[in-house]
PDB file of N, CA and C in Angstrom:
ATOM      1  N   MET A   1      18.890 -56.790  -6.114  1.00  0.00           N
ATOM      2  CA  MET A   1      19.868 -57.675  -5.532  1.00  0.00           C
ATOM      3  C   MET A   1      20.078 -58.920  -6.400  1.00  0.00           C
ATOM      4  N   VAL A   2      18.970 -59.514  -6.843  1.00  0.00           N
ATOM      5  CA  VAL A   2      19.057 -60.712  -7.682  1.00  0.00           C
ATOM      6  C   VAL A   2      19.727 -60.380  -9.007  1.00  0.00           C
ATOM      7  N   PHE A   3      19.412 -59.218  -9.569  1.00  0.00           N
ATOM      8  CA  PHE A   3      20.011 -58.796 -10.837  1.00  0.00           C
ATOM      9  C   PHE A   3      21.528 -58.749 -10.738  1.00  0.00           C
ATOM     10  N   PHE A   4      22.037 -58.185  -9.659  1.00  0.00           N
ATOM     11  CA  PHE A   4      23.488 -58.065  -9.500  1.00  0.00           C
ATOM     12  C   PHE A   4      24.139 -59.442  -9.349  1.00  0.00           C
ATOM     13  N   ARG A   5      23.441 -60.354  -8.670  1.00  0.00           N
ATOM     14  CA  ARG A   5      23.979 -61.698  -8.511  1.00  0.00           C
ATOM     15  C   ARG A   5      24.013 -62.422  -9.861  1.00  0.00           C
ATOM     16  N   LEU A   6      22.952 -62.263 -10.665  1.00  0.00           N
ATOM     17  CA  LEU A   6      22.936 -62.866 -11.992  1.00  0.00           C
ATOM     18  C   LEU A   6      24.039 -62.292 -12.869  1.00  0.00           C
ATOM     19  N   LYS A   7      24.211 -60.987 -12.790  1.00  0.00           N
ATOM     20  CA  LYS A   7      25.257 -60.323 -13.567  1.00  0.00           C
ATOM     21  C   LYS A   7      26.629 -60.852 -13.163  1.00  0.00           C
ATOM     22  N   ARG A   8      26.848 -61.011 -11.857  1.00  0.00           N
ATOM     23  CA  ARG A   8      28.125 -61.518 -11.352  1.00  0.00           C
ATOM     24  C   ARG A   8      28.329 -62.958 -11.814  1.00  0.00           C
ATOM     25  N   ASP A   9      27.265 -63.770 -11.784  1.00  0.00           N
ATOM     26  CA  ASP A   9      27.364 -65.151 -12.238  1.00  0.00           C
ATOM     27  C   ASP A   9      27.699 -65.215 -13.730  1.00  0.00           C
ATOM     28  N   GLN A  10      27.086 -64.342 -14.519  1.00  0.00           N
ATOM     29  CA  GLN A  10      27.379 -64.296 -15.953  1.00  0.00           C
ATOM     30  C   GLN A  10      28.834 -63.909 -16.194  1.00  0.00           C
ATOM     31  N   GLN A  11      29.315 -62.945 -15.460  1.00  0.00           N
ATOM     32  CA  GLN A  11      30.700 -62.513 -15.600  1.00  0.00           C
ATOM     33  C   GLN A  11      31.649 -63.642 -15.216  1.00  0.00           C
ATOM     34  N   ASP A  12      31.313 -64.378 -14.159  1.00  0.00           N
ATOM     35  CA  ASP A  12      32.133 -65.507 -13.731  1.00  0.00           C
ATOM     36  C   ASP A  12      32.160 -66.587 -14.799  1.00  0.00           C
ATOM     37  N   LEU A  13      31.010 -66.897 -15.369  1.00  0.00           N
ATOM     38  CA  LEU A  13      30.954 -67.898 -16.434  1.00  0.00           C
ATOM     39  C   LEU A  13      31.742 -67.457 -17.660  1.00  0.00           C
ATOM     40  N   LYS A  14      31.664 -66.180 -17.994  1.00  0.00           N
ATOM     41  CA  LYS A  14      32.418 -65.645 -19.136  1.00  0.00           C
ATOM     42  C   LYS A  14      33.913 -65.791 -18.897  1.00  0.00           C
ATOM     43  N   ARG A  15      34.377 -65.452 -17.691  1.00  0.00           N
ATOM     44  CA  ARG A  15      35.804 -65.600 -17.371  1.00  0.00           C
ATOM     45  C   ARG A  15      36.236 -67.067 -17.462  1.00  0.00           C
ATOM     46  N   ARG A  16      35.400 -67.961 -16.952  1.00  0.00           N
ATOM     47  CA  ARG A  16      35.735 -69.380 -16.997  1.00  0.00           C
ATOM     48  C   ARG A  16      35.775 -69.893 -18.427  1.00  0.00           C
ATOM     49  N   LEU A  17      34.816 -69.474 -19.247  1.00  0.00           N
ATOM     50  CA  LEU A  17      34.804 -69.884 -20.647  1.00  0.00           C
ATOM     51  C   LEU A  17      36.035 -69.352 -21.380  1.00  0.00           C
ATOM     52  N   ASP A  18      36.388 -68.098 -21.136  1.00  0.00           N
ATOM     53  CA  ASP A  18      37.589 -67.527 -21.753  1.00  0.00           C
ATOM     54  C   ASP A  18      38.828 -68.325 -21.368  1.00  0.00           C
ATOM     55  N   ARG A  19      38.887 -68.749 -20.115  1.00  0.00           N
ATOM     56  CA  ARG A  19      40.037 -69.535 -19.638  1.00  0.00           C
ATOM     57  C   ARG A  19      40.087 -70.886 -20.342  1.00  0.00           C
ATOM     58  N   VAL A  20      38.951 -71.549 -20.476  1.00  0.00           N
ATOM     59  CA  VAL A  20      38.902 -72.842 -21.153  1.00  0.00           C
ATOM     60  C   VAL A  20      39.299 -72.685 -22.619  1.00  0.00           C
ATOM     61  N   GLU A  21      38.808 -71.640 -23.270  1.00  0.00           N
ATOM     62  CA  GLU A  21      39.175 -71.397 -24.670  1.00  0.00           C
ATOM     63  C   GLU A  21      40.670 -71.158 -24.807  1.00  0.00           C
ATOM     64  N   SER A  22      41.254 -70.413 -23.889  1.00  0.00           N
ATOM     65  CA  SER A  22      42.692 -70.159 -23.921  1.00  0.00           C
ATOM     66  C   SER A  22      43.481 -71.451 -23.767  1.00  0.00           C
ATOM     67  N   MET A  23      43.036 -72.301 -22.852  1.00  0.00           N
ATOM     68  CA  MET A  23      43.715 -73.584 -22.662  1.00  0.00           C
ATOM     69  C   MET A  23      43.587 -74.454 -23.905  1.00  0.00           C
ATOM     70  N   LEU A  24      42.418 -74.463 -24.518  1.00  0.00           N
ATOM     71  CA  LEU A  24      42.212 -75.255 -25.721  1.00  0.00           C
ATOM     72  C   LEU A  24      43.100 -74.764 -26.859  1.00  0.00           C
ATOM     73  N   ILE A  25      43.203 -73.474 -27.015  1.00  0.00           N
ATOM     74  CA  ILE A  25      44.081 -72.906 -28.046  1.00  0.00           C
ATOM     75  C   ILE A  25      45.525 -73.301 -27.790  1.00  0.00           C
ATOM     76  N   ALA A  26      45.956 -73.245 -26.536  1.00  0.00           N
ATOM     77  CA  ALA A  26      47.330 -73.629 -26.190  1.00  0.00           C
ATOM     78  C   ALA A  26      47.585 -75.104 -26.511  1.00  0.00           C
ATOM     79  N   ILE A  27      46.629 -75.957 -26.205  1.00  0.00           N
ATOM     80  CA  ILE A  27      46.770 -77.388 -26.500  1.00  0.00           C
ATOM     81  C   ILE A  27      46.841 -77.605 -28.005  1.00  0.00           C
ATOM     82  N   MET A  28      45.962 -76.939 -28.748  1.00  0.00           N
ATOM     83  CA  MET A  28      45.965 -77.099 -30.202  1.00  0.00           C
ATOM     84  C   MET A  28      47.266 -76.587 -30.809  1.00  0.00           C
ATOM     85  N   ASP A  29      47.770 -75.473 -30.303  1.00  0.00           N
ATOM     86  CA  ASP A  29      49.057 -74.958 -30.782  1.00  0.00           C
ATOM     87  C   ASP A  29      50.173 -75.957 -30.497  1.00  0.00           C
ATOM     88  N   HIS A  30      50.172 -76.512 -29.303  1.00  0.00           N
ATOM     89  CA  HIS A  30      51.201 -77.475 -28.926  1.00  0.00           C
ATOM     90  C   HIS A  30      51.161 -78.700 -29.832  1.00  0.00           C
ATOM     91  N   LEU A  31      49.964 -79.152 -30.170  1.00  0.00           N
ATOM     92  CA  LEU A  31      49.809 -80.326 -31.032  1.00  0.00           C
ATOM     93  C   LEU A  31      49.858 -79.978 -32.517  1.00  0.00           C
ATOM     94  N   LYS A  32      50.051 -78.691 -32.806  1.00  0.00           N
ATOM     95  CA  LYS A  32      50.115 -78.191 -34.181  1.00  0.00           C
ATOM     96  C   LYS A  32      48.834 -78.538 -34.961  1.00  0.00           C
ATOM     97  N   ILE A  33      47.706 -78.316 -34.298  1.00  0.00           N
ATOM     98  CA  ILE A  33      46.402 -78.542 -34.914  1.00  0.00           C
ATOM     99  C   ILE A  33      45.846 -77.197 -35.346  1.00  0.00           C
ATOM    100  N   HIS A  34      45.499 -77.101 -36.628  1.00  0.00           N
ATOM    101  CA  HIS A  34      44.889 -75.874 -37.133  1.00  0.00           C
ATOM    102  C   HIS A  34      43.390 -76.097 -37.235  1.00  0.00           C
ATOM    103  N   TYR A  35      42.622 -75.175 -36.703  1.00  0.00           N
ATOM    104  CA  TYR A  35      41.171 -75.283 -36.729  1.00  0.00           C
ATOM    105  C   TYR A  35      40.597 -74.100 -37.476  1.00  0.00           C
ATOM    106  N   ASP A  36      39.851 -74.395 -38.522  1.00  0.00           N
ATOM    107  CA  ASP A  36      39.162 -73.360 -39.284  1.00  0.00           C
ATOM    108  C   ASP A  36      37.663 -73.532 -39.040  1.00  0.00           C
ATOM    109  N   PRO A  37      37.044 -72.653 -38.226  1.00  0.00           N
ATOM    110  CA  PRO A  37      35.635 -72.826 -37.911  1.00  0.00           C
ATOM    111  C   PRO A  37      34.737 -72.806 -39.137  1.00  0.00           C
ATOM    112  N   ASN A  38      35.127 -72.089 -40.172  1.00  0.00           N
ATOM    113  CA  ASN A  38      34.319 -72.048 -41.387  1.00  0.00           C
ATOM    114  C   ASN A  38      34.345 -73.388 -42.114  1.00  0.00           C
ATOM    115  N   ALA A  39      35.472 -74.070 -42.076  1.00  0.00           N
ATOM    116  CA  ALA A  39      35.567 -75.377 -42.727  1.00  0.00           C
ATOM    117  C   ALA A  39      34.668 -76.385 -42.030  1.00  0.00           C
ATOM    118  N   ALA A  40      34.553 -76.273 -40.724  1.00  0.00           N
ATOM    119  CA  ALA A  40      33.706 -77.203 -39.977  1.00  0.00           C
ATOM    120  C   ALA A  40      32.256 -77.074 -40.417  1.00  0.00           C
ATOM    121  N   VAL A  41      31.787 -75.866 -40.625  1.00  0.00           N
ATOM    122  CA  VAL A  41      30.403 -75.662 -41.067  1.00  0.00           C
ATOM    123  C   VAL A  41      30.218 -76.198 -42.479  1.00  0.00           C
ATOM    124  N   LYS A  42      31.176 -75.956 -43.350  1.00  0.00           N
ATOM    125  CA  LYS A  42      31.043 -76.378 -44.737  1.00  0.00           C
ATOM    126  C   LYS A  42      31.004 -77.891 -44.879  1.00  0.00           C
ATOM    127  N   ASN A  43      31.639 -78.591 -43.981  1.00  0.00           N
ATOM    128  CA  ASN A  43      31.709 -80.042 -44.090  1.00  0.00           C
ATOM    129  C   ASN A  43      30.574 -80.756 -43.371  1.00  0.00           C
ATOM    130  N   ARG A  44      29.605 -80.016 -42.864  1.00  0.00           N
ATOM    131  CA  ARG A  44      28.576 -80.631 -42.062  1.00  0.00           C
ATOM    132  C   ARG A  44      27.268 -80.873 -42.810  1.00  0.00           C
ATOM    133  N   ALA A  45      27.272 -80.874 -44.108  1.00  0.00           N
ATOM    134  CA  ALA A  45      26.028 -81.110 -44.837  1.00  0.00           C
ATOM    135  C   ALA A  45      25.585 -82.548 -44.598  1.00  0.00           C
ATOM    136  N   SER A  46      24.378 -82.698 -44.096  1.00  0.00           N
ATOM    137  CA  SER A  46      23.858 -84.032 -43.782  1.00  0.00           C
ATOM    138  C   SER A  46      23.518 -84.785 -45.066  1.00  0.00           C
ATOM    139  N   ASP A  47      23.284 -86.078 -44.919  1.00  0.00           N
ATOM    140  CA  ASP A  47      22.897 -86.900 -46.069  1.00  0.00           C
ATOM    141  C   ASP A  47      21.595 -86.392 -46.684  1.00  0.00           C
ATOM    142  N   GLU A  48      20.683 -85.963 -45.838  1.00  0.00           N
ATOM    143  CA  GLU A  48      19.397 -85.454 -46.336  1.00  0.00           C
ATOM    144  C   GLU A  48      19.603 -84.164 -47.138  1.00  0.00           C
ATOM    145  N   VAL A  49      20.479 -83.287 -46.663  1.00  0.00           N
ATOM    146  CA  VAL A  49      20.782 -82.049 -47.391  1.00  0.00           C
ATOM    147  C   VAL A  49      21.415 -82.394 -48.736  1.00  0.00           C
ATOM    148  N   ARG A  50      22.346 -83.331 -48.734  1.00  0.00           N
ATOM    149  CA  ARG A  50      22.994 -83.742 -49.984  1.00  0.00           C
ATOM    150  C   ARG A  50      21.974 -84.337 -50.967  1.00  0.00           C
ATOM    151  N   ARG A  51      21.020 -85.112 -50.447  1.00  0.00           N
ATOM    152  CA  ARG A  51      19.977 -85.697 -51.301  1.00  0.00           C
ATOM    153  C   ARG A  51      19.143 -84.597 -51.955  1.00  0.00           C
ATOM    154  N   LEU A  52      18.771 -83.588 -51.157  1.00  0.00           N
ATOM    155  CA  LEU A  52      17.979 -82.484 -51.698  1.00  0.00           C
ATOM    156  C   LEU A  52      18.746 -81.746 -52.791  1.00  0.00           C
ATOM    157  N   VAL A  53      20.041 -81.554 -52.589  1.00  0.00           N
ATOM    158  CA  VAL A  53      20.857 -80.876 -53.610  1.00  0.00           C
ATOM    159  C   VAL A  53      20.896 -81.709 -54.883  1.00  0.00           C
ATOM    160  N   ARG A  54      21.092 -83.015 -54.746  1.00  0.00           N
ATOM    161  CA  ARG A  54      21.115 -83.894 -55.933  1.00  0.00           C
ATOM    162  C   ARG A  54      19.805 -83.844 -56.697  1.00  0.00           C
ATOM    163  N   GLU A  55      18.714 -83.668 -55.978  1.00  0.00           N
ATOM    164  CA  GLU A  55      17.395 -83.595 -56.622  1.00  0.00           C
ATOM    165  C   GLU A  55      17.095 -82.195 -57.159  1.00  0.00           C
ATOM    166  N   GLY A  56      18.034 -81.276 -57.008  1.00  0.00           N
ATOM    167  CA  GLY A  56      17.848 -79.924 -57.516  1.00  0.00           C
ATOM    168  C   GLY A  56      17.001 -79.038 -56.616  1.00  0.00           C
ATOM    169  N   LYS A  57      16.795 -79.437 -55.392  1.00  0.00           N
ATOM    170  CA  LYS A  57      15.978 -78.683 -54.443  1.00  0.00           C
ATOM    171  C   LYS A  57      16.877 -77.859 -53.520  1.00  0.00           C
ATOM    172  N   LYS A  58      17.547 -76.888 -54.110  1.00  0.00           N
ATOM    173  CA  LYS A  58      18.531 -76.106 -53.363  1.00  0.00           C
ATOM    174  C   LYS A  58      17.904 -75.276 -52.237  1.00  0.00           C
ATOM    175  N   ILE A  59      16.765 -74.689 -52.481  1.00  0.00           N
ATOM    176  CA  ILE A  59      16.133 -73.856 -51.448  1.00  0.00           C
ATOM    177  C   ILE A  59      15.762 -74.706 -50.245  1.00  0.00           C
ATOM    178  N   GLU A  60      15.182 -75.886 -50.509  1.00  0.00           N
ATOM    179  CA  GLU A  60      14.845 -76.788 -49.411  1.00  0.00           C
ATOM    180  C   GLU A  60      16.100 -77.247 -48.676  1.00  0.00           C
ATOM    181  N   ALA A  61      17.181 -77.483 -49.439  1.00  0.00           N
ATOM    182  CA  ALA A  61      18.443 -77.906 -48.837  1.00  0.00           C
ATOM    183  C   ALA A  61      19.005 -76.804 -47.937  1.00  0.00           C
ATOM    184  N   ILE A  62      18.930 -75.560 -48.392  1.00  0.00           N
ATOM    185  CA  ILE A  62      19.405 -74.433 -47.592  1.00  0.00           C
ATOM    186  C   ILE A  62      18.594 -74.323 -46.306  1.00  0.00           C
ATOM    187  N   LYS A  63      17.277 -74.430 -46.431  1.00  0.00           N
ATOM    188  CA  LYS A  63      16.415 -74.345 -45.245  1.00  0.00           C
ATOM    189  C   LYS A  63      16.745 -75.449 -44.242  1.00  0.00           C
ATOM    190  N   LEU A  64      16.902 -76.673 -44.742  1.00  0.00           N
ATOM    191  CA  LEU A  64      17.189 -77.792 -43.856  1.00  0.00           C
ATOM    192  C   LEU A  64      18.562 -77.622 -43.195  1.00  0.00           C
ATOM    193  N   HIS A  65      19.552 -77.205 -43.975  1.00  0.00           N
ATOM    194  CA  HIS A  65      20.893 -77.012 -43.408  1.00  0.00           C
ATOM    195  C   HIS A  65      20.859 -75.953 -42.310  1.00  0.00           C
ATOM    196  N   ARG A  66      20.132 -74.869 -42.536  1.00  0.00           N
ATOM    197  CA  ARG A  66      20.026 -73.824 -41.517  1.00  0.00           C
ATOM    198  C   ARG A  66      19.357 -74.368 -40.263  1.00  0.00           C
ATOM    199  N   LEU A  67      18.331 -75.167 -40.450  1.00  0.00           N
ATOM    200  CA  LEU A  67      17.621 -75.757 -39.317  1.00  0.00           C
ATOM    201  C   LEU A  67      18.536 -76.706 -38.537  1.00  0.00           C
ATOM    202  N   GLU A  68      19.305 -77.506 -39.245  1.00  0.00           N
ATOM    203  CA  GLU A  68      20.174 -78.499 -38.601  1.00  0.00           C
ATOM    204  C   GLU A  68      21.380 -77.885 -37.901  1.00  0.00           C
ATOM    205  N   THR A  69      21.941 -76.807 -38.469  1.00  0.00           N
ATOM    206  CA  THR A  69      23.215 -76.291 -37.959  1.00  0.00           C
ATOM    207  C   THR A  69      23.132 -74.915 -37.312  1.00  0.00           C
ATOM    208  N   GLY A  70      22.055 -74.179 -37.564  1.00  0.00           N
ATOM    209  CA  GLY A  70      21.982 -72.816 -37.059  1.00  0.00           C
ATOM    210  C   GLY A  70      22.779 -71.827 -37.895  1.00  0.00           C
ATOM    211  N   ALA A  71      23.230 -72.254 -39.062  1.00  0.00           N
ATOM    212  CA  ALA A  71      24.003 -71.373 -39.951  1.00  0.00           C
ATOM    213  C   ALA A  71      23.114 -70.239 -40.453  1.00  0.00           C
ATOM    214  N   ASP A  72      23.744 -69.096 -40.749  1.00  0.00           N
ATOM    215  CA  ASP A  72      22.961 -68.014 -41.337  1.00  0.00           C
ATOM    216  C   ASP A  72      22.775 -68.302 -42.833  1.00  0.00           C
ATOM    217  N   LEU A  73      22.006 -67.453 -43.495  1.00  0.00           N
ATOM    218  CA  LEU A  73      21.649 -67.706 -44.890  1.00  0.00           C
ATOM    219  C   LEU A  73      22.875 -67.777 -45.792  1.00  0.00           C
ATOM    220  N   ALA A  74      23.811 -66.860 -45.623  1.00  0.00           N
ATOM    221  CA  ALA A  74      25.004 -66.839 -46.475  1.00  0.00           C
ATOM    222  C   ALA A  74      25.846 -68.094 -46.269  1.00  0.00           C
ATOM    223  N   GLU A  75      26.035 -68.510 -45.025  1.00  0.00           N
ATOM    224  CA  GLU A  75      26.813 -69.723 -44.742  1.00  0.00           C
ATOM    225  C   GLU A  75      26.137 -70.947 -45.346  1.00  0.00           C
ATOM    226  N   ALA A  76      24.822 -71.040 -45.172  1.00  0.00           N
ATOM    227  CA  ALA A  76      24.095 -72.185 -45.699  1.00  0.00           C
ATOM    228  C   ALA A  76      24.184 -72.229 -47.223  1.00  0.00           C
ATOM    229  N   LYS A  77      24.065 -71.082 -47.866  1.00  0.00           N
ATOM    230  CA  LYS A  77      24.167 -71.040 -49.326  1.00  0.00           C
ATOM    231  C   LYS A  77      25.556 -71.499 -49.777  1.00  0.00           C
ATOM    232  N   ASP A  78      26.595 -71.050 -49.070  1.00  0.00           N
ATOM    233  CA  ASP A  78      27.958 -71.484 -49.401  1.00  0.00           C
ATOM    234  C   ASP A  78      28.108 -72.999 -49.284  1.00  0.00           C
ATOM    235  N   VAL A  79      27.519 -73.564 -48.221  1.00  0.00           N
ATOM    236  CA  VAL A  79      27.601 -75.017 -48.035  1.00  0.00           C
ATOM    237  C   VAL A  79      26.904 -75.727 -49.177  1.00  0.00           C
ATOM    238  N   ILE A  80      25.713 -75.284 -49.521  1.00  0.00           N
ATOM    239  CA  ILE A  80      24.951 -75.937 -50.584  1.00  0.00           C
ATOM    240  C   ILE A  80      25.676 -75.804 -51.910  1.00  0.00           C
ATOM    241  N   ASP A  81      26.265 -74.646 -52.175  1.00  0.00           N
ATOM    242  CA  ASP A  81      27.024 -74.454 -53.412  1.00  0.00           C
ATOM    243  C   ASP A  81      28.245 -75.369 -53.447  1.00  0.00           C
ATOM    244  N   SER A  82      28.848 -75.626 -52.289  1.00  0.00           N
ATOM    245  CA  SER A  82      30.038 -76.497 -52.264  1.00  0.00           C
ATOM    246  C   SER A  82      29.650 -77.956 -52.414  1.00  0.00           C
ATOM    247  N   VAL A  83      28.422 -78.300 -52.059  1.00  0.00           N
ATOM    248  CA  VAL A  83      27.944 -79.678 -52.193  1.00  0.00           C
ATOM    249  C   VAL A  83      27.614 -79.982 -53.636  1.00  0.00           C
ATOM    250  N   SER A  84      27.049 -79.009 -54.336  1.00  0.00           N
ATOM    251  CA  SER A  84      26.601 -79.266 -55.718  1.00  0.00           C
ATOM    252  C   SER A  84      27.735 -79.269 -56.706  1.00  0.00           C
TER     253      SER A  84
END
């Protein structure tokens, strides 16, 4: 019984999230705002990550960026390469 209620709650939350995303897309379209999720990740290198790159510590910079942003290895490497 509890499982079915949790499943129903998850489905309800998913529908609500989809609705909010649809509204956000409509607002952005109306305002002619283009959003590139990949660009947002690339521009988020922290000052500490940038310092590590300047010092030539790319592996440490990749690790820190992944820790800070949750990016996967390929995304983090791309960010570090764009910083250097």
